N, C-alpha and C. Protein backbone atom coordinates (compact mmCIF):
# COMPACT_ATOMS: atom_id res chain seq x y z
N UNK A 1 59.83 130.25 -200.72
CA UNK A 1 58.89 130.31 -199.63
C UNK A 1 57.48 130.09 -200.19
N UNK A 2 56.67 129.34 -199.45
CA UNK A 2 55.28 129.11 -199.83
C UNK A 2 54.38 130.15 -199.19
N UNK A 3 53.33 130.51 -199.90
CA UNK A 3 52.25 131.29 -199.31
C UNK A 3 51.09 130.32 -199.16
N UNK A 4 50.28 130.52 -198.10
CA UNK A 4 49.18 129.59 -197.84
C UNK A 4 48.01 130.30 -197.21
N UNK A 5 46.85 129.69 -197.37
CA UNK A 5 45.65 130.10 -196.65
C UNK A 5 45.43 129.13 -195.51
N UNK A 6 44.92 129.61 -194.38
CA UNK A 6 44.53 128.74 -193.28
C UNK A 6 43.11 128.27 -193.54
N UNK A 7 42.93 126.96 -193.58
CA UNK A 7 41.62 126.37 -193.84
C UNK A 7 41.35 125.24 -192.85
N UNK A 8 40.14 124.70 -192.88
CA UNK A 8 39.80 123.60 -191.98
C UNK A 8 38.83 122.65 -192.65
N UNK A 9 38.76 121.44 -192.10
CA UNK A 9 37.78 120.43 -192.52
C UNK A 9 37.19 119.83 -191.26
N UNK A 10 35.88 119.58 -191.28
CA UNK A 10 35.20 118.91 -190.18
C UNK A 10 35.02 117.44 -190.55
N UNK A 11 35.40 116.56 -189.64
CA UNK A 11 35.30 115.11 -189.85
C UNK A 11 34.34 114.55 -188.82
N UNK A 12 33.34 113.78 -189.26
CA UNK A 12 32.35 113.23 -188.34
C UNK A 12 32.18 111.71 -188.48
N UNK A 13 32.94 111.09 -189.38
CA UNK A 13 32.84 109.65 -189.61
C UNK A 13 34.23 109.02 -189.66
N UNK A 14 34.30 107.73 -189.34
CA UNK A 14 35.56 107.00 -189.49
C UNK A 14 36.02 107.08 -190.94
N UNK A 15 37.33 107.09 -191.12
CA UNK A 15 37.89 107.13 -192.48
C UNK A 15 39.23 106.40 -192.45
N UNK A 16 39.30 105.26 -193.12
CA UNK A 16 40.54 104.46 -193.13
C UNK A 16 41.65 105.12 -193.92
N UNK A 17 41.31 106.06 -194.81
CA UNK A 17 42.29 106.68 -195.69
C UNK A 17 42.04 108.18 -195.84
N UNK A 18 42.03 108.90 -194.72
CA UNK A 18 41.82 110.35 -194.77
C UNK A 18 43.04 111.00 -195.41
N UNK A 19 42.84 111.73 -196.47
CA UNK A 19 43.95 112.31 -197.22
C UNK A 19 44.47 113.60 -196.58
N UNK A 20 45.78 113.64 -196.39
CA UNK A 20 46.47 114.85 -195.94
C UNK A 20 47.11 115.57 -197.12
N UNK A 21 46.89 115.06 -198.32
CA UNK A 21 47.55 115.59 -199.51
C UNK A 21 47.33 117.09 -199.66
N UNK A 22 48.42 117.82 -199.80
CA UNK A 22 48.39 119.25 -200.00
C UNK A 22 48.32 120.07 -198.71
N UNK A 23 48.22 119.40 -197.57
CA UNK A 23 48.12 120.12 -196.28
C UNK A 23 49.49 120.48 -195.73
N UNK A 24 49.60 121.68 -195.18
CA UNK A 24 50.82 122.11 -194.50
C UNK A 24 50.54 122.12 -193.00
N UNK A 25 51.31 121.37 -192.25
CA UNK A 25 51.25 121.29 -190.78
C UNK A 25 49.82 121.07 -190.26
N UNK A 26 49.14 120.00 -190.70
CA UNK A 26 47.79 119.73 -190.22
C UNK A 26 47.77 119.44 -188.72
N UNK A 27 46.79 120.01 -188.03
CA UNK A 27 46.61 119.78 -186.60
C UNK A 27 45.14 119.43 -186.37
N UNK A 28 44.91 118.29 -185.71
CA UNK A 28 43.57 117.79 -185.44
C UNK A 28 43.14 118.18 -184.03
N UNK A 29 41.91 118.70 -183.89
CA UNK A 29 41.33 119.06 -182.60
C UNK A 29 40.07 118.22 -182.40
N UNK A 30 39.98 117.57 -181.23
CA UNK A 30 38.86 116.69 -180.94
C UNK A 30 37.77 117.43 -180.17
N UNK A 31 36.64 117.67 -180.83
CA UNK A 31 35.47 118.29 -180.21
C UNK A 31 34.39 117.24 -179.94
N UNK A 32 34.77 115.96 -179.98
CA UNK A 32 33.85 114.84 -179.77
C UNK A 32 33.62 114.58 -178.29
N UNK A 33 32.62 113.72 -178.01
CA UNK A 33 32.37 113.28 -176.64
C UNK A 33 33.36 112.21 -176.19
N UNK A 34 33.97 111.51 -177.16
CA UNK A 34 34.87 110.40 -176.85
C UNK A 34 36.22 110.58 -177.55
N UNK A 35 37.12 109.65 -177.25
CA UNK A 35 38.44 109.66 -177.89
C UNK A 35 38.32 109.46 -179.40
N UNK A 36 39.33 109.97 -180.12
CA UNK A 36 39.46 109.73 -181.56
C UNK A 36 40.91 109.31 -181.80
N UNK A 37 41.11 108.30 -182.64
CA UNK A 37 42.45 107.88 -183.04
C UNK A 37 42.77 108.45 -184.42
N UNK A 38 43.91 109.11 -184.53
CA UNK A 38 44.42 109.58 -185.81
C UNK A 38 45.82 109.02 -185.95
N UNK A 39 46.04 108.23 -186.99
CA UNK A 39 47.33 107.58 -187.21
C UNK A 39 47.79 106.84 -185.96
N UNK A 40 46.83 106.14 -185.31
CA UNK A 40 47.07 105.30 -184.14
C UNK A 40 47.44 106.09 -182.88
N UNK A 41 47.27 107.40 -182.91
CA UNK A 41 47.49 108.24 -181.74
C UNK A 41 46.13 108.65 -181.19
N UNK A 42 45.92 108.47 -179.88
CA UNK A 42 44.64 108.79 -179.26
C UNK A 42 44.59 110.27 -178.91
N UNK A 43 43.48 110.91 -179.34
CA UNK A 43 43.23 112.30 -179.00
C UNK A 43 42.02 112.31 -178.05
N UNK A 44 42.23 112.77 -176.84
CA UNK A 44 41.16 112.87 -175.85
C UNK A 44 40.23 114.03 -176.22
N UNK A 45 38.98 114.01 -175.73
CA UNK A 45 38.09 115.15 -175.95
C UNK A 45 38.75 116.44 -175.46
N UNK A 46 38.74 117.46 -176.29
CA UNK A 46 39.39 118.73 -175.96
C UNK A 46 40.86 118.76 -176.30
N UNK A 47 41.41 117.63 -176.76
CA UNK A 47 42.83 117.55 -177.07
C UNK A 47 43.13 117.82 -178.54
N UNK A 48 44.43 117.83 -178.86
CA UNK A 48 44.85 118.06 -180.24
C UNK A 48 46.00 117.14 -180.59
N UNK A 49 46.22 116.97 -181.89
CA UNK A 49 47.31 116.14 -182.40
C UNK A 49 47.91 116.83 -183.62
N UNK A 50 49.18 117.17 -183.52
CA UNK A 50 49.91 117.77 -184.64
C UNK A 50 50.40 116.64 -185.54
N UNK A 51 49.91 116.59 -186.78
CA UNK A 51 50.20 115.46 -187.66
C UNK A 51 51.09 115.82 -188.83
N UNK A 52 51.67 116.99 -188.83
CA UNK A 52 52.45 117.42 -189.98
C UNK A 52 53.94 117.45 -189.74
N UNK A 53 54.64 117.83 -190.77
CA UNK A 53 56.08 118.05 -190.73
C UNK A 53 56.27 119.54 -191.02
N UNK A 54 57.01 120.23 -190.18
CA UNK A 54 57.16 121.68 -190.30
C UNK A 54 57.69 122.06 -191.67
N UNK A 55 57.02 123.04 -192.29
CA UNK A 55 57.41 123.59 -193.59
C UNK A 55 57.37 122.59 -194.75
N UNK A 56 56.59 121.53 -194.60
CA UNK A 56 56.47 120.53 -195.66
C UNK A 56 55.01 120.33 -196.03
N UNK A 57 54.74 120.07 -197.29
CA UNK A 57 53.40 119.76 -197.77
C UNK A 57 53.20 118.25 -197.67
N UNK A 58 52.16 117.84 -196.97
CA UNK A 58 51.91 116.42 -196.76
C UNK A 58 51.35 115.77 -198.02
N UNK A 59 51.61 114.46 -198.19
CA UNK A 59 51.17 113.74 -199.38
C UNK A 59 50.51 112.40 -199.04
N UNK A 60 50.42 112.02 -197.78
CA UNK A 60 49.94 110.69 -197.41
C UNK A 60 48.50 110.69 -196.91
N UNK A 61 48.03 109.49 -196.54
CA UNK A 61 46.70 109.29 -195.96
C UNK A 61 46.88 108.68 -194.58
N UNK A 62 45.91 108.96 -193.68
CA UNK A 62 45.96 108.43 -192.32
C UNK A 62 44.59 107.87 -191.94
N UNK A 63 44.58 106.86 -191.04
CA UNK A 63 43.29 106.36 -190.55
C UNK A 63 42.76 107.24 -189.43
N UNK A 64 41.42 107.43 -189.41
CA UNK A 64 40.74 108.16 -188.35
C UNK A 64 39.63 107.26 -187.82
N UNK A 65 39.65 107.02 -186.49
CA UNK A 65 38.66 106.13 -185.87
C UNK A 65 38.06 106.82 -184.65
N UNK A 66 36.74 107.00 -184.67
CA UNK A 66 36.02 107.55 -183.51
C UNK A 66 35.72 106.40 -182.55
N UNK A 67 36.00 106.60 -181.28
CA UNK A 67 35.73 105.60 -180.25
C UNK A 67 34.39 105.89 -179.60
N UNK A 68 33.83 104.90 -178.92
CA UNK A 68 32.58 105.08 -178.20
C UNK A 68 31.36 104.88 -179.08
N UNK A 69 30.22 105.22 -178.54
CA UNK A 69 28.93 105.02 -179.18
C UNK A 69 28.75 105.90 -180.42
N UNK A 70 28.09 105.35 -181.43
CA UNK A 70 27.78 106.14 -182.63
C UNK A 70 26.78 107.24 -182.33
N UNK A 71 26.04 107.09 -181.21
CA UNK A 71 25.06 108.11 -180.81
C UNK A 71 25.74 109.33 -180.19
N UNK A 72 26.99 109.17 -179.77
CA UNK A 72 27.73 110.28 -179.14
C UNK A 72 28.13 111.31 -180.20
N UNK A 73 28.38 112.52 -179.73
CA UNK A 73 28.83 113.60 -180.63
C UNK A 73 30.18 113.22 -181.25
N UNK A 74 30.27 113.33 -182.58
CA UNK A 74 31.51 113.05 -183.31
C UNK A 74 31.89 114.29 -184.09
N UNK A 75 32.96 114.93 -183.67
CA UNK A 75 33.41 116.13 -184.38
C UNK A 75 34.92 116.29 -184.18
N UNK A 76 35.64 116.11 -185.26
CA UNK A 76 37.08 116.29 -185.30
C UNK A 76 37.35 117.35 -186.36
N UNK A 77 38.11 118.37 -186.02
CA UNK A 77 38.42 119.42 -186.99
C UNK A 77 39.92 119.41 -187.25
N UNK A 78 40.30 119.42 -188.52
CA UNK A 78 41.70 119.55 -188.88
C UNK A 78 41.90 120.94 -189.48
N UNK A 79 42.85 121.68 -188.90
CA UNK A 79 43.25 122.99 -189.40
C UNK A 79 44.60 122.82 -190.08
N UNK A 80 44.79 123.49 -191.22
CA UNK A 80 46.04 123.32 -191.96
C UNK A 80 46.25 124.48 -192.92
N UNK A 81 47.48 124.62 -193.37
CA UNK A 81 47.78 125.57 -194.41
C UNK A 81 47.57 124.93 -195.77
N UNK A 82 46.97 125.68 -196.68
CA UNK A 82 46.77 125.22 -198.05
C UNK A 82 47.60 126.11 -198.97
N UNK A 83 48.64 125.55 -199.60
CA UNK A 83 49.52 126.38 -200.42
C UNK A 83 48.80 127.04 -201.58
N UNK A 84 49.16 128.30 -201.84
CA UNK A 84 48.54 129.00 -202.96
C UNK A 84 49.55 129.41 -204.03
N UNK A 85 50.80 129.62 -203.66
CA UNK A 85 51.78 130.07 -204.66
C UNK A 85 53.19 129.93 -204.09
N UNK A 86 54.14 129.66 -204.95
CA UNK A 86 55.55 129.71 -204.54
C UNK A 86 56.08 131.08 -204.89
N UNK A 87 56.87 131.65 -203.99
CA UNK A 87 57.43 132.96 -204.26
C UNK A 87 58.91 132.97 -203.86
N UNK A 88 59.60 133.99 -204.27
CA UNK A 88 61.05 134.08 -203.99
C UNK A 88 61.32 134.63 -202.62
C-alpha cells in the first residue's frame, strides 16, 4: 500500500507537455473564465476532469490548452496524491 500527501499545482499557461509523473489520481478543476482542454477533454468553468487511474502512479504528459482571450482569467488547479513511502 502507498502512503501519500494531498498536494496541488496551479496552472495559468498553455502547456503542450504537462507532466503527470508521480501523481496519484490527478483531478483538474477549472477556475478560469473560459473552457480549458486537458488531454483533448473540455473542462467548462467550474467543472472538473479526473485524469488518473485508480491506485496507480501516473508517468505520462498531457496537453493543456486555455480557450478564449488571454486577457481572461486563467486558473486550472490539479489536485493529486504524491507518494511518500511504500508500506506493508
